[in-house]
Amino acid sequence: MKSATARRLAPLVLLVFVVGGCAELGEKIQDNPKAVLGSVGGAAAGGLIAAAAGGGAGWIVGGALLGGLLGGYIGNRLDARDKRMAAEAAARAFENNRVGQASVWNNPDSGNSGSITPTKTYQLANGQYCRHYEQTIKIGGEPHQTYGTACRQADGSWKIQS
């Protein structure tokens, strides 16, 4: 019973964190948009991963906090060119790579690099193709790994779902 209640409350808890952070978001985005947006995205992903794994409210809050910290750190350290190169590598990987084949990027100006590797391809009942992936971003030589799912949209682009 507690687990079912925690799962129902998880989106609400996550929403409270996100909305609560929005009060000062406008000013902070101007100061350091990469860190703020990375924190918000990381918090959402961390909370959702914990909820999907069946964690209770404590695990969901912990996942959101940890995701927010990691997302803020990574977002703060990536410049616009890093992000563009990572997005281009992801688009190539989702569209062209077979499972297990990585698309890599390297920004010689920042020294940051990364790779994205599709790990599973499947088709939904509605005919939409999706791919699970693993992404590694190296900031200052230190690897940061994430996992997610991207699905092909009607216009042919790929959208990261989680």
Protein backbone atom coordinates (compact mmCIF):
# COMPACT_ATOMS: atom_id res chain seq x y z
CA MET A 1 0.00 0.00 0.00
CA LYS A 2 2.79 2.44 0.87
CA SER A 3 4.52 1.76 -2.44
CA ALA A 4 1.36 2.51 -4.46
CA THR A 5 0.82 5.76 -2.55
CA ALA A 6 4.46 6.78 -3.08
CA ARG A 7 4.15 6.13 -6.81
CA ARG A 8 1.03 8.27 -7.01
CA LEU A 9 2.65 11.07 -5.03
CA ALA A 10 5.96 10.98 -6.93
CA PRO A 11 4.88 13.26 -9.79
CA LEU A 12 3.45 15.74 -7.26
CA VAL A 13 6.66 15.77 -5.21
CA LEU A 14 8.67 16.29 -8.37
CA LEU A 15 6.37 19.09 -9.49
CA VAL A 16 6.76 20.84 -6.12
CA PHE A 17 10.55 20.78 -6.50
CA VAL A 18 10.45 22.08 -10.04
CA VAL A 19 7.83 24.78 -9.40
CA GLY A 20 9.51 25.80 -6.18
CA GLY A 21 12.73 26.38 -8.07
CA CYS A 22 10.94 28.42 -10.74
CA ALA A 23 10.47 31.45 -8.48
CA GLU A 24 14.09 32.48 -8.92
CA LEU A 25 14.63 30.66 -12.19
CA GLY A 26 14.40 33.75 -14.39
CA GLU A 27 17.24 35.55 -12.61
CA LYS A 28 19.39 32.45 -12.28
CA ILE A 29 19.02 31.49 -15.95
CA GLN A 30 20.45 34.88 -16.88
CA ASP A 31 23.35 34.36 -14.46
CA ASN A 32 24.20 30.78 -15.47
CA PRO A 33 21.67 29.13 -17.77
CA LYS A 34 23.63 25.92 -18.28
CA ALA A 35 23.77 25.09 -14.58
CA VAL A 36 20.13 25.96 -13.87
CA LEU A 37 18.71 24.07 -16.81
CA GLY A 38 21.02 21.13 -16.12
CA SER A 39 19.85 21.07 -12.51
CA VAL A 40 16.16 21.15 -13.40
CA GLY A 41 16.57 18.46 -16.06
CA GLY A 42 18.73 16.32 -13.81
CA ALA A 43 16.27 16.60 -10.91
CA ALA A 44 13.37 15.57 -13.12
CA ALA A 45 15.31 12.64 -14.58
CA GLY A 46 16.58 11.50 -11.17
CA GLY A 47 13.11 11.56 -9.64
CA LEU A 48 11.52 9.80 -12.58
CA ILE A 49 14.18 7.09 -12.63
CA ALA A 50 13.67 6.42 -8.92
CA ALA A 51 9.89 6.30 -9.40
CA ALA A 52 10.16 3.97 -12.40
CA ALA A 53 12.42 1.68 -10.37
CA GLY A 54 9.65 1.41 -7.76
CA GLY A 55 11.38 3.48 -5.11
CA GLY A 56 9.43 5.01 -2.27
CA ALA A 57 9.02 8.73 -1.66
CA GLY A 58 12.42 8.97 0.01
CA TRP A 59 14.17 7.36 -2.94
CA ILE A 60 12.31 9.61 -5.37
CA VAL A 61 13.28 12.76 -3.48
CA GLY A 62 16.85 11.48 -3.16
CA GLY A 63 16.97 10.68 -6.88
CA ALA A 64 15.68 14.15 -7.71
CA LEU A 65 18.27 15.82 -5.47
CA LEU A 66 21.15 13.73 -6.77
CA GLY A 67 20.01 14.21 -10.37
CA GLY A 68 19.76 17.95 -9.80
CA LEU A 69 23.26 18.16 -8.41
CA LEU A 70 24.78 16.09 -11.20
CA GLY A 71 22.78 17.88 -13.90
CA GLY A 72 23.83 21.28 -12.55
CA TYR A 73 27.48 20.26 -12.47
CA ILE A 74 27.43 18.90 -16.02
CA GLY A 75 25.36 21.81 -17.35
CA ASN A 76 27.71 24.30 -15.76
CA ARG A 77 30.73 22.74 -17.42
CA LEU A 78 29.37 22.34 -20.99
CA ASP A 79 29.45 25.30 -23.37
CA ALA A 80 27.11 25.87 -26.32
CA ARG A 81 29.44 24.13 -28.77
CA ASP A 82 29.72 21.07 -26.47
CA LYS A 83 25.94 20.82 -26.31
CA ARG A 84 25.54 21.24 -30.07
CA MET A 85 28.18 18.58 -30.77
CA ALA A 86 26.55 16.19 -28.26
CA ALA A 87 23.11 16.75 -29.85
CA GLU A 88 24.51 16.14 -33.35
CA ALA A 89 26.20 12.92 -32.19
CA ALA A 90 22.93 11.78 -30.61
CA ALA A 91 20.95 12.47 -33.80
CA ARG A 92 23.51 10.46 -35.83
CA ALA A 93 23.44 7.59 -33.34
CA PHE A 94 19.64 7.38 -33.17
CA GLU A 95 19.22 7.57 -36.94
CA ASN A 96 22.17 5.59 -38.30
CA ASN A 97 23.94 3.46 -35.71
CA ARG A 98 23.27 -0.18 -35.04
CA VAL A 99 22.93 -1.35 -31.44
CA GLY A 100 26.32 -1.16 -29.74
CA GLN A 101 27.85 1.33 -32.23
CA ALA A 102 28.86 4.67 -30.65
CA SER A 103 28.75 8.15 -32.14
CA VAL A 104 31.46 10.31 -30.60
CA TRP A 105 32.17 14.01 -30.36
CA ASN A 106 35.16 16.00 -29.17
CA ASN A 107 35.45 19.75 -28.64
CA PRO A 108 39.13 20.70 -28.85
CA ASP A 109 38.37 24.19 -27.52
CA SER A 110 36.84 23.05 -24.21
CA GLY A 111 38.55 19.65 -23.97
CA ASN A 112 35.16 18.03 -23.33
CA SER A 113 34.04 14.98 -25.27
CA GLY A 114 31.46 12.27 -25.26
CA SER A 115 29.79 9.33 -26.90
CA ILE A 116 26.27 8.03 -27.31
CA THR A 117 25.49 4.40 -28.03
CA PRO A 118 22.10 2.88 -28.85
CA THR A 119 21.59 -0.21 -26.67
CA LYS A 120 18.17 -1.42 -27.88
CA THR A 121 15.79 -0.60 -30.72
CA TYR A 122 12.08 -1.41 -30.60
CA GLN A 123 8.77 -0.40 -32.14
CA LEU A 124 5.72 0.73 -30.16
CA ALA A 125 2.22 -0.53 -30.92
CA ASN A 126 1.50 2.75 -32.75
CA GLY A 127 4.43 2.08 -35.12
CA GLN A 128 6.79 4.62 -33.53
CA TYR A 129 10.44 3.54 -33.27
CA CYS A 130 12.31 4.07 -30.01
CA ARG A 131 15.88 3.45 -28.91
CA HIS A 132 17.38 2.98 -25.48
CA TYR A 133 20.82 4.57 -25.25
CA GLU A 134 23.84 5.06 -23.04
CA GLN A 135 25.66 8.39 -23.05
CA THR A 136 29.03 9.26 -21.59
CA ILE A 137 30.24 12.86 -21.35
CA LYS A 138 33.81 13.55 -20.28
CA ILE A 139 34.31 16.87 -18.53
CA GLY A 140 37.91 17.58 -17.61
CA GLY A 141 38.67 13.92 -18.32
CA GLU A 142 36.09 12.73 -15.78
CA PRO A 143 33.32 10.54 -17.31
CA HIS A 144 29.65 11.09 -16.45
CA GLN A 145 27.26 8.38 -17.65
CA THR A 146 23.53 8.61 -18.31
CA TYR A 147 20.91 6.33 -19.80
CA GLY A 148 17.66 7.11 -21.55
CA THR A 149 15.19 6.51 -24.35
CA ALA A 150 14.61 8.48 -27.56
CA CYS A 151 11.71 8.02 -29.96
CA ARG A 152 11.34 9.06 -33.60
CA GLN A 153 8.73 11.78 -34.10
CA ALA A 154 6.31 12.10 -37.01
CA ASP A 155 8.59 14.68 -38.65
CA GLY A 156 11.53 12.23 -38.59
CA SER A 157 13.39 13.89 -35.71
CA TRP A 158 14.27 12.06 -32.50
CA LYS A 159 12.99 13.22 -29.12
CA ILE A 160 14.53 12.11 -25.84
CA GLN A 161 11.76 10.68 -23.67
CA SER A 162 13.71 9.96 -20.51
